[in-house]
């Protein structure tokens, strides 16, 4: 039963995890807007979510190495983001920084709204599952 619930919510878990990681990357770009030679980074959310789901949605993970015969083999979770891409600036700056604050603010706000929408959808799914499991 728990396996089915975990599988039903796996997509939402992956999506929220990726949204969280993207928010951190965008916040890092904003924080380093005045740092000389800082290169703005981002990743393609759709591609990374597809990759995470194709890899079993975090079920496979990484095999952890055991150093002794008595150790219990375990699996760790792989990093969700495969590769961070560098953003190509619309207008280069003299100090080599590629952060465009207008672009970063828009992407940050867009990601925050999408994160909140994903949470609302997940909450609705959980409420639906709870009502289906309750006896009448």
C-alpha atoms as a PDB file:
ATOM      1  CA  UNK A   1       0.000   0.000   0.000  1.00  0.00           C
ATOM      2  CA  UNK A   2       2.764   2.418   0.949  1.00  0.00           C
ATOM      3  CA  UNK A   3       4.615   1.543  -2.263  1.00  0.00           C
ATOM      4  CA  UNK A   4       1.604   2.570  -4.315  1.00  0.00           C
ATOM      5  CA  UNK A   5       1.260   5.843  -2.436  1.00  0.00           C
ATOM      6  CA  UNK A   6       4.950   6.582  -2.884  1.00  0.00           C
ATOM      7  CA  UNK A   7       4.717   5.822  -6.602  1.00  0.00           C
ATOM      8  CA  UNK A   8       1.635   8.036  -6.954  1.00  0.00           C
ATOM      9  CA  UNK A   9       3.406  10.979  -5.360  1.00  0.00           C
ATOM     10  CA  UNK A  10       6.849  10.368  -6.875  1.00  0.00           C
ATOM     11  CA  UNK A  11       6.359  12.738  -9.826  1.00  0.00           C
ATOM     12  CA  UNK A  12       5.311  15.555  -7.497  1.00  0.00           C
ATOM     13  CA  UNK A  13       8.272  14.883  -5.222  1.00  0.00           C
ATOM     14  CA  UNK A  14      10.712  15.077  -8.129  1.00  0.00           C
ATOM     15  CA  UNK A  15       9.092  18.240  -9.521  1.00  0.00           C
ATOM     16  CA  UNK A  16       9.180  20.014  -6.158  1.00  0.00           C
ATOM     17  CA  UNK A  17      12.786  18.973  -5.573  1.00  0.00           C
ATOM     18  CA  UNK A  18      13.834  20.335  -8.959  1.00  0.00           C
ATOM     19  CA  UNK A  19      11.890  23.570  -8.418  1.00  0.00           C
ATOM     20  CA  UNK A  20      13.689  23.969  -5.087  1.00  0.00           C
ATOM     21  CA  UNK A  21      17.085  23.401  -6.690  1.00  0.00           C
ATOM     22  CA  UNK A  22      16.291  25.853  -9.484  1.00  0.00           C
ATOM     23  CA  UNK A  23      15.263  28.466  -6.913  1.00  0.00           C
ATOM     24  CA  UNK A  24      18.648  28.042  -5.233  1.00  0.00           C
ATOM     25  CA  UNK A  25      20.503  28.436  -8.541  1.00  0.00           C
ATOM     26  CA  UNK A  26      18.542  31.575  -9.426  1.00  0.00           C
ATOM     27  CA  UNK A  27      19.040  33.017  -5.939  1.00  0.00           C
ATOM     28  CA  UNK A  28      22.769  32.386  -6.301  1.00  0.00           C
ATOM     29  CA  UNK A  29      22.755  34.296  -9.595  1.00  0.00           C
ATOM     30  CA  UNK A  30      20.981  37.241  -7.963  1.00  0.00           C
ATOM     31  CA  UNK A  31      23.325  37.206  -4.971  1.00  0.00           C
ATOM     32  CA  UNK A  32      26.341  37.385  -7.283  1.00  0.00           C
ATOM     33  CA  UNK A  33      25.034  40.110  -9.570  1.00  0.00           C
ATOM     34  CA  UNK A  34      27.919  42.421  -8.610  1.00  0.00           C
ATOM     35  CA  UNK A  35      30.672  39.788  -8.537  1.00  0.00           C
ATOM     36  CA  UNK A  36      33.218  40.340 -11.322  1.00  0.00           C
ATOM     37  CA  UNK A  37      33.518  37.458 -13.808  1.00  0.00           C
ATOM     38  CA  UNK A  38      30.557  35.589 -12.296  1.00  0.00           C
ATOM     39  CA  UNK A  39      28.716  33.532 -14.909  1.00  0.00           C
ATOM     40  CA  UNK A  40      24.948  33.156 -14.491  1.00  0.00           C
ATOM     41  CA  UNK A  41      23.754  29.533 -14.454  1.00  0.00           C
ATOM     42  CA  UNK A  42      20.462  27.746 -14.902  1.00  0.00           C
ATOM     43  CA  UNK A  43      19.075  24.410 -16.054  1.00  0.00           C
ATOM     44  CA  UNK A  44      16.253  23.244 -18.272  1.00  0.00           C
ATOM     45  CA  UNK A  45      13.542  22.199 -15.820  1.00  0.00           C
ATOM     46  CA  UNK A  46      11.549  20.084 -18.285  1.00  0.00           C
ATOM     47  CA  UNK A  47      14.566  18.145 -19.484  1.00  0.00           C
ATOM     48  CA  UNK A  48      15.814  17.495 -15.945  1.00  0.00           C
ATOM     49  CA  UNK A  49      12.364  16.334 -14.803  1.00  0.00           C
ATOM     50  CA  UNK A  50      12.132  13.970 -17.779  1.00  0.00           C
ATOM     51  CA  UNK A  51      15.604  12.643 -17.017  1.00  0.00           C
ATOM     52  CA  UNK A  52      14.743  12.119 -13.352  1.00  0.00           C
ATOM     53  CA  UNK A  53      11.544  10.243 -14.218  1.00  0.00           C
ATOM     54  CA  UNK A  54      13.308   8.146 -16.883  1.00  0.00           C
ATOM     55  CA  UNK A  55      15.851   7.117 -14.255  1.00  0.00           C
ATOM     56  CA  UNK A  56      13.068   5.682 -12.118  1.00  0.00           C
ATOM     57  CA  UNK A  57      12.145   8.895 -10.368  1.00  0.00           C
ATOM     58  CA  UNK A  58      14.816   8.606  -7.713  1.00  0.00           C
ATOM     59  CA  UNK A  59      14.016   4.970  -6.980  1.00  0.00           C
ATOM     60  CA  UNK A  60      17.283   3.689  -8.441  1.00  0.00           C
ATOM     61  CA  UNK A  61      19.666   6.183  -6.936  1.00  0.00           C
ATOM     62  CA  UNK A  62      23.346   5.609  -6.463  1.00  0.00           C
ATOM     63  CA  UNK A  63      24.840   2.393  -5.204  1.00  0.00           C
ATOM     64  CA  UNK A  64      26.793   3.128  -2.029  1.00  0.00           C
ATOM     65  CA  UNK A  65      30.119   1.378  -1.645  1.00  0.00           C
ATOM     66  CA  UNK A  66      30.590  -0.993   1.258  1.00  0.00           C
ATOM     67  CA  UNK A  67      34.048  -1.266   2.781  1.00  0.00           C
ATOM     68  CA  UNK A  68      33.546  -4.441   4.804  1.00  0.00           C
ATOM     69  CA  UNK A  69      31.685  -7.717   4.297  1.00  0.00           C
ATOM     70  CA  UNK A  70      29.342  -7.043   7.222  1.00  0.00           C
ATOM     71  CA  UNK A  71      28.106  -3.707   5.879  1.00  0.00           C
ATOM     72  CA  UNK A  72      24.550  -3.522   4.628  1.00  0.00           C
ATOM     73  CA  UNK A  73      24.357  -2.459   0.975  1.00  0.00           C
ATOM     74  CA  UNK A  74      22.332   0.699   0.503  1.00  0.00           C
ATOM     75  CA  UNK A  75      21.275   3.048  -2.224  1.00  0.00           C
ATOM     76  CA  UNK A  76      21.627   6.802  -2.025  1.00  0.00           C
ATOM     77  CA  UNK A  77      19.727   9.376  -3.985  1.00  0.00           C
ATOM     78  CA  UNK A  78      21.363  10.813  -7.083  1.00  0.00           C
ATOM     79  CA  UNK A  79      21.645  14.537  -7.557  1.00  0.00           C
ATOM     80  CA  UNK A  80      18.573  15.635  -9.489  1.00  0.00           C
ATOM     81  CA  UNK A  81      20.294  18.196 -11.700  1.00  0.00           C
ATOM     82  CA  UNK A  82      22.525  16.633 -14.324  1.00  0.00           C
ATOM     83  CA  UNK A  83      24.345  19.722 -15.500  1.00  0.00           C
ATOM     84  CA  UNK A  84      24.057  23.433 -14.917  1.00  0.00           C
ATOM     85  CA  UNK A  85      24.212  25.498 -18.067  1.00  0.00           C
ATOM     86  CA  UNK A  86      25.761  28.928 -18.448  1.00  0.00           C
ATOM     87  CA  UNK A  87      23.404  31.691 -19.482  1.00  0.00           C
ATOM     88  CA  UNK A  88      24.316  33.639 -22.602  1.00  0.00           C
ATOM     89  CA  UNK A  89      24.070  37.351 -21.775  1.00  0.00           C
ATOM     90  CA  UNK A  90      21.972  39.676 -23.925  1.00  0.00           C
ATOM     91  CA  UNK A  91      24.481  42.448 -23.354  1.00  0.00           C
ATOM     92  CA  UNK A  92      28.006  41.734 -22.083  1.00  0.00           C
ATOM     93  CA  UNK A  93      29.316  43.719 -19.155  1.00  0.00           C
ATOM     94  CA  UNK A  94      32.777  45.221 -18.710  1.00  0.00           C
ATOM     95  CA  UNK A  95      33.540  43.182 -15.591  1.00  0.00           C
ATOM     96  CA  UNK A  96      32.659  39.832 -17.226  1.00  0.00           C
ATOM     97  CA  UNK A  97      29.541  39.249 -15.121  1.00  0.00           C
ATOM     98  CA  UNK A  98      26.688  37.677 -17.119  1.00  0.00           C
ATOM     99  CA  UNK A  99      23.873  38.224 -14.590  1.00  0.00           C
ATOM    100  CA  UNK A 100      20.993  40.275 -15.996  1.00  0.00           C
ATOM    101  CA  UNK A 101      18.962  41.263 -12.934  1.00  0.00           C
ATOM    102  CA  UNK A 102      15.728  41.753 -14.883  1.00  0.00           C
ATOM    103  CA  UNK A 103      15.945  38.253 -16.361  1.00  0.00           C
ATOM    104  CA  UNK A 104      16.909  36.717 -13.015  1.00  0.00           C
ATOM    105  CA  UNK A 105      14.072  38.413 -11.131  1.00  0.00           C
ATOM    106  CA  UNK A 106      11.508  37.289 -13.699  1.00  0.00           C
ATOM    107  CA  UNK A 107      12.754  33.695 -13.673  1.00  0.00           C
ATOM    108  CA  UNK A 108      12.945  33.687  -9.873  1.00  0.00           C
ATOM    109  CA  UNK A 109       9.350  34.922  -9.540  1.00  0.00           C
ATOM    110  CA  UNK A 110       8.119  32.535 -12.252  1.00  0.00           C
ATOM    111  CA  UNK A 111       9.758  29.578 -10.538  1.00  0.00           C
ATOM    112  CA  UNK A 112       8.314  30.623  -7.165  1.00  0.00           C
ATOM    113  CA  UNK A 113       4.789  30.809  -8.614  1.00  0.00           C
ATOM    114  CA  UNK A 114       5.200  27.412 -10.282  1.00  0.00           C
ATOM    115  CA  UNK A 115       6.522  25.936  -7.016  1.00  0.00           C
ATOM    116  CA  UNK A 116       3.474  27.254  -5.162  1.00  0.00           C
ATOM    117  CA  UNK A 117       1.138  25.889  -7.856  1.00  0.00           C
ATOM    118  CA  UNK A 118       2.811  22.477  -7.637  1.00  0.00           C
ATOM    119  CA  UNK A 119       2.332  22.520  -3.859  1.00  0.00           C
ATOM    120  CA  UNK A 120      -1.350  23.375  -4.270  1.00  0.00           C
ATOM    121  CA  UNK A 121      -1.844  20.546  -6.776  1.00  0.00           C
ATOM    122  CA  UNK A 122      -0.015  18.116  -4.513  1.00  0.00           C
ATOM    123  CA  UNK A 123      -2.155  19.180  -1.562  1.00  0.00           C
ATOM    124  CA  UNK A 124      -5.278  18.508  -3.639  1.00  0.00           C
ATOM    125  CA  UNK A 125      -4.022  15.041  -4.587  1.00  0.00           C
ATOM    126  CA  UNK A 126      -3.233  14.215  -0.968  1.00  0.00           C
ATOM    127  CA  UNK A 127      -6.667  15.413   0.152  1.00  0.00           C
ATOM    128  CA  UNK A 128      -8.249  13.252  -2.559  1.00  0.00           C
ATOM    129  CA  UNK A 129      -6.257  10.220  -1.458  1.00  0.00           C
ATOM    130  CA  UNK A 130      -7.172  10.847   2.184  1.00  0.00           C
ATOM    131  CA  UNK A 131     -10.871  11.088   1.400  1.00  0.00           C
ATOM    132  CA  UNK A 132     -10.687   7.894  -0.687  1.00  0.00           C
ATOM    133  CA  UNK A 133      -9.082   6.008   2.228  1.00  0.00           C
ATOM    134  CA  UNK A 134     -11.515   7.195   4.891  1.00  0.00           C
ATOM    135  CA  UNK A 135     -14.404   4.933   5.717  1.00  0.00           C
ATOM    136  CA  UNK A 136     -17.895   6.302   5.315  1.00  0.00           C
END
